[in-house]
Amino acid sequence: MIKTLIFDWGGVLTVGKHTASIIKILERKYNLVNIFAVFDELMIALDSDKITFEEFCKRFNDRFGTKISTKEMKSIFEEAILSNDKMISVVQNLKKNYRLILLSNNNLPTIEILRNKYRDMLSLFEKQYFSTELKLRKPSKELFLYVIKDSNLNPKECLFIDDKENNVKQAQEAGLNAILFTDVDSFKKQLKEFGIKIK
């Protein structure tokens, strides 16, 4: 029986992937092309707390010849957030009967935005785990094992939801039940397979 649901944030509780959305804005605003590889590498380092946001912006500007300030970059990070209100409504329904945990690869600027402007969404989760604060990043099996231990979970009674296949596979390796999120309607059907009904 499932008692706890562990949710990813970007691509599950948002419409679209956060990194991809940021890249689209940067390419449009600054007439840039083919920045994904470099930007994604920088985001992974930022999400893992291996570089500061200031260093992130400096490296990006050095690579692409831009002069984007930390303030402007943070505003772009915020602009790229589009809440998946339909999914959040489902999560609100689930909160009535299940423990809810958030597990996200995320960085300090985005976490600050979420804590300032998306408090209602964050309040749905009794615990929130962010990669930059733990210095561990999905799909690290070690991260899943940490969450299981820290929240005193029985992995067989947990269901992990993420939009990235590698993260789902590693969660399963750590003993969790896990499903790949694609869209809200499919998600509801997947929940039924675990005996979870949404009104």
N, C-alpha and C. Protein backbone atom coordinates (compact mmCIF):
# COMPACT_ATOMS: atom_id res chain seq x y z
N MET A 1 0.84 -1.20 0.00
CA MET A 1 0.00 0.00 0.00
C MET A 1 0.88 1.26 0.00
N ILE A 2 0.59 2.17 -0.89
CA ILE A 2 1.33 3.42 -0.97
C ILE A 2 0.86 4.38 0.12
N LYS A 3 1.84 4.91 0.86
CA LYS A 3 1.53 5.88 1.91
C LYS A 3 2.17 7.25 1.67
N THR A 4 3.24 7.25 0.87
CA THR A 4 3.98 8.49 0.63
C THR A 4 4.24 8.67 -0.86
N LEU A 5 4.01 9.87 -1.36
CA LEU A 5 4.32 10.19 -2.74
C LEU A 5 5.43 11.23 -2.76
N ILE A 6 6.45 10.97 -3.58
CA ILE A 6 7.61 11.84 -3.69
C ILE A 6 7.61 12.45 -5.09
N PHE A 7 7.49 13.76 -5.17
CA PHE A 7 7.35 14.45 -6.45
C PHE A 7 8.60 15.22 -6.86
N ASP A 8 8.94 15.11 -8.13
CA ASP A 8 9.86 16.02 -8.76
C ASP A 8 9.12 17.35 -8.97
N TRP A 9 9.87 18.42 -9.20
CA TRP A 9 9.24 19.72 -9.45
C TRP A 9 9.19 20.05 -10.94
N GLY A 10 10.34 20.41 -11.54
CA GLY A 10 10.35 20.84 -12.93
C GLY A 10 9.89 19.76 -13.89
N GLY A 11 8.93 20.09 -14.74
CA GLY A 11 8.41 19.13 -15.70
C GLY A 11 7.27 18.29 -15.16
N VAL A 12 7.02 18.39 -13.86
CA VAL A 12 5.90 17.68 -13.23
C VAL A 12 4.91 18.70 -12.65
N LEU A 13 5.42 19.56 -11.79
CA LEU A 13 4.59 20.62 -11.21
C LEU A 13 4.67 21.91 -12.01
N THR A 14 5.49 21.88 -13.05
CA THR A 14 5.54 22.99 -14.00
C THR A 14 5.19 22.48 -15.39
N VAL A 15 4.76 23.40 -16.23
CA VAL A 15 4.53 23.07 -17.64
C VAL A 15 5.86 23.21 -18.35
N GLY A 16 6.39 22.11 -18.85
CA GLY A 16 7.69 22.13 -19.51
C GLY A 16 8.83 22.04 -18.51
N LYS A 17 10.00 21.71 -19.02
CA LYS A 17 11.20 21.60 -18.19
C LYS A 17 11.78 22.98 -17.94
N HIS A 18 12.19 23.25 -16.70
CA HIS A 18 12.65 24.58 -16.34
C HIS A 18 13.88 25.00 -17.12
N THR A 19 14.88 24.11 -17.23
CA THR A 19 16.10 24.46 -17.96
C THR A 19 15.80 24.79 -19.41
N ALA A 20 14.99 23.97 -20.05
CA ALA A 20 14.65 24.21 -21.46
C ALA A 20 13.91 25.54 -21.63
N SER A 21 13.06 25.87 -20.68
CA SER A 21 12.31 27.13 -20.74
C SER A 21 13.24 28.33 -20.58
N ILE A 22 14.22 28.22 -19.69
CA ILE A 22 15.20 29.30 -19.52
C ILE A 22 15.99 29.50 -20.80
N ILE A 23 16.41 28.41 -21.41
CA ILE A 23 17.20 28.48 -22.64
C ILE A 23 16.42 29.19 -23.75
N LYS A 24 15.15 28.87 -23.88
CA LYS A 24 14.33 29.52 -24.92
C LYS A 24 14.29 31.04 -24.73
N ILE A 25 14.15 31.46 -23.48
CA ILE A 25 14.11 32.90 -23.19
C ILE A 25 15.46 33.54 -23.50
N LEU A 26 16.55 32.91 -23.08
CA LEU A 26 17.88 33.45 -23.34
C LEU A 26 18.16 33.55 -24.84
N GLU A 27 17.81 32.52 -25.58
CA GLU A 27 18.05 32.53 -27.03
C GLU A 27 17.24 33.62 -27.71
N ARG A 28 16.02 33.80 -27.24
CA ARG A 28 15.16 34.83 -27.84
C ARG A 28 15.63 36.24 -27.49
N LYS A 29 15.94 36.47 -26.22
CA LYS A 29 16.30 37.82 -25.77
C LYS A 29 17.67 38.27 -26.26
N TYR A 30 18.59 37.32 -26.37
CA TYR A 30 19.97 37.70 -26.67
C TYR A 30 20.45 37.15 -28.00
N ASN A 31 19.52 36.70 -28.82
CA ASN A 31 19.84 36.24 -30.17
C ASN A 31 20.96 35.19 -30.15
N LEU A 32 20.78 34.19 -29.27
CA LEU A 32 21.77 33.12 -29.13
C LEU A 32 21.24 31.84 -29.77
N VAL A 33 22.14 30.96 -30.14
CA VAL A 33 21.76 29.67 -30.71
C VAL A 33 22.64 28.56 -30.14
N ASN A 34 22.08 27.37 -30.10
CA ASN A 34 22.83 26.17 -29.68
C ASN A 34 23.56 26.35 -28.34
N ILE A 35 22.83 26.82 -27.34
CA ILE A 35 23.47 27.04 -26.03
C ILE A 35 23.18 25.90 -25.05
N PHE A 36 22.39 24.91 -25.46
CA PHE A 36 21.94 23.90 -24.50
C PHE A 36 23.08 23.19 -23.79
N ALA A 37 24.04 22.68 -24.54
CA ALA A 37 25.10 21.85 -23.95
C ALA A 37 25.85 22.61 -22.86
N VAL A 38 26.25 23.84 -23.17
CA VAL A 38 27.00 24.64 -22.20
C VAL A 38 26.11 25.02 -21.03
N PHE A 39 24.90 25.47 -21.33
CA PHE A 39 23.99 25.91 -20.27
C PHE A 39 23.63 24.76 -19.34
N ASP A 40 23.35 23.60 -19.91
CA ASP A 40 22.97 22.45 -19.09
C ASP A 40 24.12 22.03 -18.17
N GLU A 41 25.34 22.08 -18.68
CA GLU A 41 26.51 21.74 -17.87
C GLU A 41 26.64 22.71 -16.69
N LEU A 42 26.42 23.99 -16.97
CA LEU A 42 26.48 25.01 -15.92
C LEU A 42 25.36 24.81 -14.89
N MET A 43 24.18 24.45 -15.37
CA MET A 43 23.04 24.23 -14.47
C MET A 43 23.29 23.03 -13.55
N ILE A 44 23.89 21.99 -14.10
CA ILE A 44 24.19 20.81 -13.27
C ILE A 44 25.16 21.20 -12.16
N ALA A 45 26.17 22.00 -12.50
CA ALA A 45 27.13 22.46 -11.49
C ALA A 45 26.45 23.36 -10.46
N LEU A 46 25.56 24.22 -10.92
CA LEU A 46 24.84 25.12 -10.02
C LEU A 46 23.90 24.34 -9.10
N ASP A 47 23.18 23.39 -9.66
CA ASP A 47 22.24 22.57 -8.89
C ASP A 47 22.95 21.70 -7.85
N SER A 48 24.22 21.42 -8.10
CA SER A 48 25.01 20.57 -7.19
C SER A 48 25.81 21.40 -6.19
N ASP A 49 25.65 22.72 -6.26
CA ASP A 49 26.38 23.65 -5.38
C ASP A 49 27.89 23.59 -5.63
N LYS A 50 28.27 23.30 -6.87
CA LYS A 50 29.69 23.26 -7.21
C LYS A 50 30.19 24.63 -7.67
N ILE A 51 29.26 25.49 -8.10
CA ILE A 51 29.60 26.87 -8.44
C ILE A 51 28.52 27.78 -7.86
N THR A 52 28.89 29.04 -7.62
CA THR A 52 27.93 30.02 -7.14
C THR A 52 27.13 30.56 -8.33
N PHE A 53 26.05 31.26 -8.02
CA PHE A 53 25.25 31.87 -9.09
C PHE A 53 26.06 32.94 -9.81
N GLU A 54 26.89 33.66 -9.07
CA GLU A 54 27.75 34.68 -9.68
C GLU A 54 28.71 34.04 -10.68
N GLU A 55 29.30 32.90 -10.28
CA GLU A 55 30.21 32.19 -11.17
C GLU A 55 29.46 31.62 -12.38
N PHE A 56 28.26 31.14 -12.14
CA PHE A 56 27.41 30.65 -13.22
C PHE A 56 27.22 31.74 -14.28
N CYS A 57 26.83 32.93 -13.84
CA CYS A 57 26.58 34.02 -14.77
C CYS A 57 27.87 34.45 -15.48
N LYS A 58 28.98 34.50 -14.75
CA LYS A 58 30.26 34.89 -15.34
C LYS A 58 30.67 33.91 -16.44
N ARG A 59 30.57 32.63 -16.14
CA ARG A 59 30.96 31.62 -17.13
C ARG A 59 30.06 31.68 -18.36
N PHE A 60 28.77 31.89 -18.13
CA PHE A 60 27.85 32.00 -19.26
C PHE A 60 28.21 33.21 -20.11
N ASN A 61 28.40 34.37 -19.47
CA ASN A 61 28.74 35.58 -20.21
C ASN A 61 30.06 35.44 -20.96
N ASP A 62 31.05 34.83 -20.32
CA ASP A 62 32.35 34.63 -20.98
C ASP A 62 32.22 33.75 -22.21
N ARG A 63 31.37 32.75 -22.11
CA ARG A 63 31.22 31.79 -23.22
C ARG A 63 30.46 32.38 -24.39
N PHE A 64 29.44 33.20 -24.10
CA PHE A 64 28.56 33.67 -25.18
C PHE A 64 28.67 35.17 -25.46
N GLY A 65 29.59 35.84 -24.78
CA GLY A 65 29.82 37.25 -25.06
C GLY A 65 28.69 38.16 -24.63
N THR A 66 27.93 37.73 -23.66
CA THR A 66 26.82 38.53 -23.14
C THR A 66 27.26 39.25 -21.86
N LYS A 67 26.39 40.14 -21.38
CA LYS A 67 26.66 40.88 -20.15
C LYS A 67 25.42 40.82 -19.24
N ILE A 68 24.96 39.61 -18.99
CA ILE A 68 23.74 39.43 -18.20
C ILE A 68 24.09 39.48 -16.71
N SER A 69 23.46 40.38 -15.99
CA SER A 69 23.71 40.50 -14.55
C SER A 69 23.03 39.36 -13.80
N THR A 70 23.43 39.15 -12.56
CA THR A 70 22.77 38.11 -11.75
C THR A 70 21.30 38.45 -11.55
N LYS A 71 20.98 39.73 -11.42
CA LYS A 71 19.58 40.15 -11.24
C LYS A 71 18.75 39.80 -12.47
N GLU A 72 19.30 40.08 -13.64
CA GLU A 72 18.58 39.79 -14.89
C GLU A 72 18.45 38.28 -15.09
N MET A 73 19.51 37.54 -14.80
CA MET A 73 19.46 36.09 -14.97
C MET A 73 18.42 35.48 -14.03
N LYS A 74 18.36 35.97 -12.80
CA LYS A 74 17.38 35.45 -11.86
C LYS A 74 15.96 35.75 -12.33
N SER A 75 15.76 36.93 -12.93
CA SER A 75 14.43 37.28 -13.44
C SER A 75 14.04 36.36 -14.60
N ILE A 76 15.04 35.93 -15.38
CA ILE A 76 14.78 34.98 -16.47
C ILE A 76 14.41 33.62 -15.89
N PHE A 77 15.12 33.21 -14.84
CA PHE A 77 14.77 31.96 -14.15
C PHE A 77 13.32 32.00 -13.68
N GLU A 78 12.92 33.16 -13.16
CA GLU A 78 11.54 33.30 -12.66
C GLU A 78 10.53 33.30 -13.81
N GLU A 79 10.85 34.01 -14.87
CA GLU A 79 9.98 34.08 -16.05
C GLU A 79 9.72 32.70 -16.65
N ALA A 80 10.71 31.82 -16.52
CA ALA A 80 10.62 30.48 -17.11
C ALA A 80 9.72 29.53 -16.33
N ILE A 81 9.29 29.94 -15.13
CA ILE A 81 8.43 29.07 -14.32
C ILE A 81 6.98 29.24 -14.74
N LEU A 82 6.37 28.16 -15.16
CA LEU A 82 4.95 28.16 -15.50
C LEU A 82 4.30 27.00 -14.76
N SER A 83 3.56 27.33 -13.73
CA SER A 83 2.97 26.30 -12.88
C SER A 83 1.98 25.43 -13.64
N ASN A 84 2.05 24.13 -13.37
CA ASN A 84 1.09 23.19 -13.94
C ASN A 84 -0.08 23.12 -12.95
N ASP A 85 -1.01 24.07 -13.09
CA ASP A 85 -2.09 24.19 -12.11
C ASP A 85 -2.98 22.96 -12.05
N LYS A 86 -3.14 22.30 -13.16
CA LYS A 86 -3.94 21.07 -13.19
C LYS A 86 -3.30 19.99 -12.34
N MET A 87 -1.98 19.89 -12.44
CA MET A 87 -1.25 18.89 -11.65
C MET A 87 -1.24 19.27 -10.18
N ILE A 88 -1.06 20.54 -9.90
CA ILE A 88 -1.05 20.99 -8.50
C ILE A 88 -2.39 20.72 -7.84
N SER A 89 -3.47 20.84 -8.60
CA SER A 89 -4.79 20.51 -8.07
C SER A 89 -4.88 19.03 -7.69
N VAL A 90 -4.28 18.17 -8.50
CA VAL A 90 -4.24 16.74 -8.19
C VAL A 90 -3.44 16.50 -6.90
N VAL A 91 -2.32 17.20 -6.78
CA VAL A 91 -1.49 17.06 -5.58
C VAL A 91 -2.25 17.51 -4.33
N GLN A 92 -3.01 18.58 -4.46
CA GLN A 92 -3.84 19.05 -3.33
C GLN A 92 -4.82 17.97 -2.90
N ASN A 93 -5.37 17.28 -3.86
CA ASN A 93 -6.30 16.19 -3.57
C ASN A 93 -5.60 15.04 -2.87
N LEU A 94 -4.40 14.72 -3.33
CA LEU A 94 -3.63 13.62 -2.75
C LEU A 94 -3.19 13.91 -1.31
N LYS A 95 -2.99 15.18 -1.01
CA LYS A 95 -2.52 15.56 0.32
C LYS A 95 -3.49 15.13 1.42
N LYS A 96 -4.75 14.97 1.07
CA LYS A 96 -5.76 14.59 2.06
C LYS A 96 -5.50 13.21 2.66
N ASN A 97 -4.86 12.34 1.89
CA ASN A 97 -4.71 10.96 2.32
C ASN A 97 -3.28 10.42 2.31
N TYR A 98 -2.32 11.22 1.85
CA TYR A 98 -0.96 10.72 1.71
C TYR A 98 0.08 11.72 2.21
N ARG A 99 1.21 11.19 2.65
CA ARG A 99 2.36 12.04 2.92
C ARG A 99 2.94 12.48 1.58
N LEU A 100 3.30 13.74 1.48
CA LEU A 100 3.85 14.26 0.23
C LEU A 100 5.22 14.86 0.49
N ILE A 101 6.17 14.53 -0.39
CA ILE A 101 7.55 15.01 -0.29
C ILE A 101 7.97 15.56 -1.65
N LEU A 102 8.73 16.62 -1.64
CA LEU A 102 9.27 17.21 -2.87
C LEU A 102 10.76 16.90 -2.96
N LEU A 103 11.19 16.41 -4.11
CA LEU A 103 12.60 16.09 -4.34
C LEU A 103 13.00 16.66 -5.69
N SER A 104 13.80 17.73 -5.67
CA SER A 104 14.08 18.46 -6.90
C SER A 104 15.55 18.77 -7.08
N ASN A 105 16.05 18.58 -8.30
CA ASN A 105 17.35 19.13 -8.66
C ASN A 105 17.15 20.62 -8.86
N ASN A 106 17.69 21.41 -7.95
CA ASN A 106 17.42 22.84 -8.05
C ASN A 106 18.53 23.66 -7.42
N ASN A 107 18.54 24.94 -7.75
CA ASN A 107 19.60 25.86 -7.35
C ASN A 107 19.05 26.95 -6.44
N LEU A 108 19.93 27.65 -5.77
CA LEU A 108 19.50 28.65 -4.78
C LEU A 108 18.64 29.77 -5.36
N PRO A 109 18.95 30.35 -6.53
CA PRO A 109 18.08 31.40 -7.06
C PRO A 109 16.64 30.90 -7.29
N THR A 110 16.50 29.71 -7.85
CA THR A 110 15.16 29.18 -8.10
C THR A 110 14.45 28.84 -6.80
N ILE A 111 15.19 28.27 -5.84
CA ILE A 111 14.59 27.94 -4.54
C ILE A 111 14.07 29.21 -3.87
N GLU A 112 14.84 30.30 -3.96
CA GLU A 112 14.40 31.58 -3.38
C GLU A 112 13.13 32.06 -4.04
N ILE A 113 13.04 31.91 -5.35
CA ILE A 113 11.83 32.30 -6.08
C ILE A 113 10.64 31.47 -5.60
N LEU A 114 10.85 30.16 -5.49
CA LEU A 114 9.77 29.28 -5.05
C LEU A 114 9.31 29.62 -3.63
N ARG A 115 10.26 29.88 -2.75
CA ARG A 115 9.90 30.16 -1.36
C ARG A 115 9.25 31.52 -1.19
N ASN A 116 9.52 32.43 -2.11
CA ASN A 116 8.91 33.76 -2.03
C ASN A 116 7.58 33.86 -2.75
N LYS A 117 7.47 33.18 -3.89
CA LYS A 117 6.30 33.39 -4.75
C LYS A 117 5.42 32.16 -4.94
N TYR A 118 5.90 31.02 -4.49
CA TYR A 118 5.13 29.79 -4.67
C TYR A 118 4.99 29.03 -3.35
N ARG A 119 4.76 29.80 -2.30
CA ARG A 119 4.67 29.22 -0.96
C ARG A 119 3.52 28.22 -0.85
N ASP A 120 2.40 28.55 -1.48
CA ASP A 120 1.23 27.66 -1.39
C ASP A 120 1.56 26.29 -1.99
N MET A 121 2.28 26.30 -3.11
CA MET A 121 2.68 25.04 -3.73
C MET A 121 3.62 24.26 -2.81
N LEU A 122 4.63 24.94 -2.28
CA LEU A 122 5.60 24.27 -1.41
C LEU A 122 4.95 23.76 -0.13
N SER A 123 3.93 24.46 0.35
CA SER A 123 3.28 24.07 1.60
C SER A 123 2.54 22.75 1.50
N LEU A 124 2.34 22.26 0.29
CA LEU A 124 1.68 20.96 0.09
C LEU A 124 2.59 19.81 0.55
N PHE A 125 3.89 20.08 0.64
CA PHE A 125 4.86 19.02 0.92
C PHE A 125 5.42 19.15 2.33
N GLU A 126 5.35 18.06 3.08
CA GLU A 126 5.82 18.11 4.46
C GLU A 126 7.34 18.26 4.54
N LYS A 127 8.03 17.77 3.50
CA LYS A 127 9.47 17.97 3.41
C LYS A 127 9.84 18.31 1.97
N GLN A 128 10.86 19.15 1.85
CA GLN A 128 11.34 19.58 0.54
C GLN A 128 12.85 19.36 0.49
N TYR A 129 13.25 18.53 -0.45
CA TYR A 129 14.68 18.23 -0.62
C TYR A 129 15.16 18.85 -1.93
N PHE A 130 16.19 19.70 -1.83
CA PHE A 130 16.76 20.35 -3.01
C PHE A 130 18.22 19.96 -3.16
N SER A 131 18.60 19.64 -4.38
CA SER A 131 19.95 19.10 -4.64
C SER A 131 21.06 20.03 -4.17
N THR A 132 20.91 21.32 -4.41
CA THR A 132 21.99 22.24 -4.06
C THR A 132 22.23 22.30 -2.56
N GLU A 133 21.17 22.10 -1.77
CA GLU A 133 21.30 22.13 -0.31
C GLU A 133 21.91 20.83 0.22
N LEU A 134 21.71 19.75 -0.50
CA LEU A 134 22.23 18.45 -0.08
C LEU A 134 23.55 18.09 -0.76
N LYS A 135 23.87 18.87 -1.81
CA LYS A 135 25.07 18.60 -2.63
C LYS A 135 25.01 17.20 -3.23
N LEU A 136 23.81 16.76 -3.50
CA LEU A 136 23.54 15.50 -4.20
C LEU A 136 22.48 15.78 -5.24
N ARG A 137 22.60 15.13 -6.39
CA ARG A 137 21.70 15.43 -7.49
C ARG A 137 21.15 14.15 -8.11
N LYS A 138 19.85 14.15 -8.42
CA LYS A 138 19.29 13.03 -9.16
C LYS A 138 20.02 12.93 -10.50
N PRO A 139 20.29 11.74 -10.99
CA PRO A 139 19.76 10.43 -10.57
C PRO A 139 20.63 9.67 -9.56
N SER A 140 21.39 10.37 -8.74
CA SER A 140 22.23 9.69 -7.74
C SER A 140 21.40 8.79 -6.82
N LYS A 141 21.73 7.52 -6.80
CA LYS A 141 21.06 6.59 -5.91
C LYS A 141 21.24 7.00 -4.46
N GLU A 142 22.39 7.58 -4.18
CA GLU A 142 22.70 8.04 -2.82
C GLU A 142 21.68 9.06 -2.33
N LEU A 143 21.21 9.91 -3.24
CA LEU A 143 20.22 10.92 -2.88
C LEU A 143 18.90 10.26 -2.47
N PHE A 144 18.46 9.29 -3.24
CA PHE A 144 17.22 8.59 -2.91
C PHE A 144 17.33 7.88 -1.56
N LEU A 145 18.46 7.24 -1.32
CA LEU A 145 18.67 6.54 -0.06
C LEU A 145 18.69 7.52 1.11
N TYR A 146 19.24 8.71 0.87
CA TYR A 146 19.25 9.74 1.92
C TYR A 146 17.83 10.16 2.28
N VAL A 147 17.01 10.40 1.27
CA VAL A 147 15.62 10.82 1.50
C VAL A 147 14.85 9.74 2.25
N ILE A 148 15.05 8.50 1.85
CA ILE A 148 14.37 7.38 2.52
C ILE A 148 14.73 7.34 4.01
N LYS A 149 16.01 7.49 4.29
CA LYS A 149 16.47 7.44 5.69
C LYS A 149 16.03 8.67 6.46
N ASP A 150 16.21 9.85 5.86
CA ASP A 150 15.91 11.10 6.56
C ASP A 150 14.43 11.24 6.91
N SER A 151 13.57 10.76 6.01
CA SER A 151 12.12 10.86 6.26
C SER A 151 11.54 9.59 6.86
N ASN A 152 12.43 8.64 7.20
CA ASN A 152 12.00 7.40 7.85
C ASN A 152 10.91 6.70 7.02
N LEU A 153 11.24 6.45 5.76
CA LEU A 153 10.28 5.88 4.82
C LEU A 153 10.52 4.39 4.61
N ASN A 154 9.44 3.68 4.37
CA ASN A 154 9.51 2.32 3.87
C ASN A 154 9.41 2.44 2.35
N PRO A 155 10.48 2.17 1.61
CA PRO A 155 10.46 2.41 0.16
C PRO A 155 9.34 1.68 -0.57
N LYS A 156 8.93 0.53 -0.05
CA LYS A 156 7.85 -0.23 -0.68
C LYS A 156 6.51 0.49 -0.57
N GLU A 157 6.43 1.44 0.36
CA GLU A 157 5.20 2.19 0.57
C GLU A 157 5.26 3.58 -0.05
N CYS A 158 6.28 3.80 -0.90
CA CYS A 158 6.49 5.10 -1.54
C CYS A 158 6.32 5.02 -3.05
N LEU A 159 5.87 6.11 -3.62
CA LEU A 159 5.77 6.22 -5.07
C LEU A 159 6.46 7.51 -5.49
N PHE A 160 7.48 7.38 -6.33
CA PHE A 160 8.25 8.52 -6.82
C PHE A 160 7.77 8.89 -8.22
N ILE A 161 7.60 10.20 -8.47
CA ILE A 161 7.09 10.69 -9.75
C ILE A 161 8.09 11.68 -10.34
N ASP A 162 8.56 11.40 -11.55
CA ASP A 162 9.55 12.26 -12.20
C ASP A 162 9.35 12.19 -13.71
N ASP A 163 9.77 13.25 -14.41
CA ASP A 163 9.61 13.27 -15.87
C ASP A 163 10.86 12.81 -16.61
N LYS A 164 11.89 12.39 -15.86
CA LYS A 164 13.12 11.91 -16.50
C LYS A 164 13.30 10.42 -16.21
N GLU A 165 13.50 9.66 -17.28
CA GLU A 165 13.58 8.21 -17.18
C GLU A 165 14.74 7.74 -16.30
N ASN A 166 15.90 8.39 -16.39
CA ASN A 166 17.04 7.99 -15.57
C ASN A 166 16.75 8.14 -14.08
N ASN A 167 16.04 9.20 -13.73
CA ASN A 167 15.69 9.41 -12.33
C ASN A 167 14.74 8.33 -11.84
N VAL A 168 13.80 7.95 -12.68
CA VAL A 168 12.84 6.90 -12.33
C VAL A 168 13.57 5.57 -12.11
N LYS A 169 14.51 5.26 -13.00
CA LYS A 169 15.25 4.00 -12.90
C LYS A 169 16.08 3.93 -11.62
N GLN A 170 16.74 5.04 -11.28
CA GLN A 170 17.57 5.05 -10.08
C GLN A 170 16.72 5.00 -8.81
N ALA A 171 15.56 5.60 -8.85
CA ALA A 171 14.65 5.52 -7.72
C ALA A 171 14.23 4.07 -7.49
N GLN A 172 13.97 3.37 -8.58
CA GLN A 172 13.61 1.95 -8.49
C GLN A 172 14.78 1.12 -7.96
N GLU A 173 16.00 1.49 -8.37
CA GLU A 173 17.19 0.80 -7.87
C GLU A 173 17.33 0.99 -6.36
N ALA A 174 16.84 2.12 -5.87
CA ALA A 174 16.91 2.41 -4.43
C ALA A 174 15.76 1.75 -3.67
N GLY A 175 14.88 1.05 -4.41
CA GLY A 175 13.79 0.31 -3.77
C GLY A 175 12.44 0.98 -3.80
N LEU A 176 12.37 2.17 -4.41
CA LEU A 176 11.11 2.90 -4.48
C LEU A 176 10.26 2.42 -5.65
N ASN A 177 8.95 2.48 -5.50
CA ASN A 177 8.06 2.40 -6.65
C ASN A 177 8.21 3.72 -7.40
N ALA A 178 8.17 3.71 -8.71
CA ALA A 178 8.39 4.96 -9.45
C ALA A 178 7.67 4.92 -10.79
N ILE A 179 7.20 6.09 -11.22
CA ILE A 179 6.54 6.20 -12.51
C ILE A 179 7.08 7.41 -13.27
N LEU A 180 7.08 7.28 -14.58
CA LEU A 180 7.53 8.36 -15.45
C LEU A 180 6.34 9.26 -15.77
N PHE A 181 6.45 10.52 -15.42
CA PHE A 181 5.36 11.47 -15.66
C PHE A 181 5.42 12.00 -17.09
N THR A 182 4.28 11.99 -17.76
CA THR A 182 4.18 12.57 -19.09
C THR A 182 3.12 13.67 -19.15
N ASP A 183 1.95 13.39 -18.58
CA ASP A 183 0.90 14.39 -18.52
C ASP A 183 -0.07 14.02 -17.39
N VAL A 184 -0.93 14.94 -17.03
CA VAL A 184 -1.80 14.76 -15.86
C VAL A 184 -2.77 13.60 -16.03
N ASP A 185 -3.39 13.49 -17.18
CA ASP A 185 -4.38 12.43 -17.39
C ASP A 185 -3.74 11.05 -17.32
N SER A 186 -2.57 10.91 -17.93
CA SER A 186 -1.86 9.63 -17.85
C SER A 186 -1.44 9.34 -16.42
N PHE A 187 -1.05 10.39 -15.70
CA PHE A 187 -0.64 10.25 -14.31
C PHE A 187 -1.78 9.69 -13.46
N LYS A 188 -2.97 10.18 -13.67
CA LYS A 188 -4.14 9.70 -12.91
C LYS A 188 -4.37 8.21 -13.17
N LYS A 189 -4.18 7.80 -14.41
CA LYS A 189 -4.35 6.38 -14.74
C LYS A 189 -3.26 5.54 -14.07
N GLN A 190 -2.04 6.07 -14.05
CA GLN A 190 -0.94 5.36 -13.40
C GLN A 190 -1.18 5.20 -11.90
N LEU A 191 -1.77 6.22 -11.29
CA LEU A 191 -2.07 6.15 -9.86
C LEU A 191 -3.03 5.01 -9.55
N LYS A 192 -3.99 4.80 -10.43
CA LYS A 192 -4.97 3.73 -10.22
C LYS A 192 -4.31 2.36 -10.15
N GLU A 193 -3.21 2.20 -10.89
CA GLU A 193 -2.48 0.94 -10.89
C GLU A 193 -1.86 0.65 -9.53
N PHE A 194 -1.70 1.70 -8.73
CA PHE A 194 -1.15 1.55 -7.37
C PHE A 194 -2.25 1.67 -6.33
N GLY A 195 -3.50 1.59 -6.79
CA GLY A 195 -4.63 1.64 -5.86
C GLY A 195 -4.94 3.02 -5.34
N ILE A 196 -4.46 4.05 -6.04
CA ILE A 196 -4.68 5.43 -5.63
C ILE A 196 -5.73 6.05 -6.55
N LYS A 197 -6.80 6.53 -5.96
CA LYS A 197 -7.88 7.12 -6.74
C LYS A 197 -7.94 8.62 -6.52
N ILE A 198 -8.21 9.35 -7.60
CA ILE A 198 -8.35 10.80 -7.54
C ILE A 198 -9.81 11.14 -7.85
N LYS A 199 -10.42 11.93 -6.99
CA LYS A 199 -11.81 12.33 -7.21
C LYS A 199 -11.87 13.47 -8.21
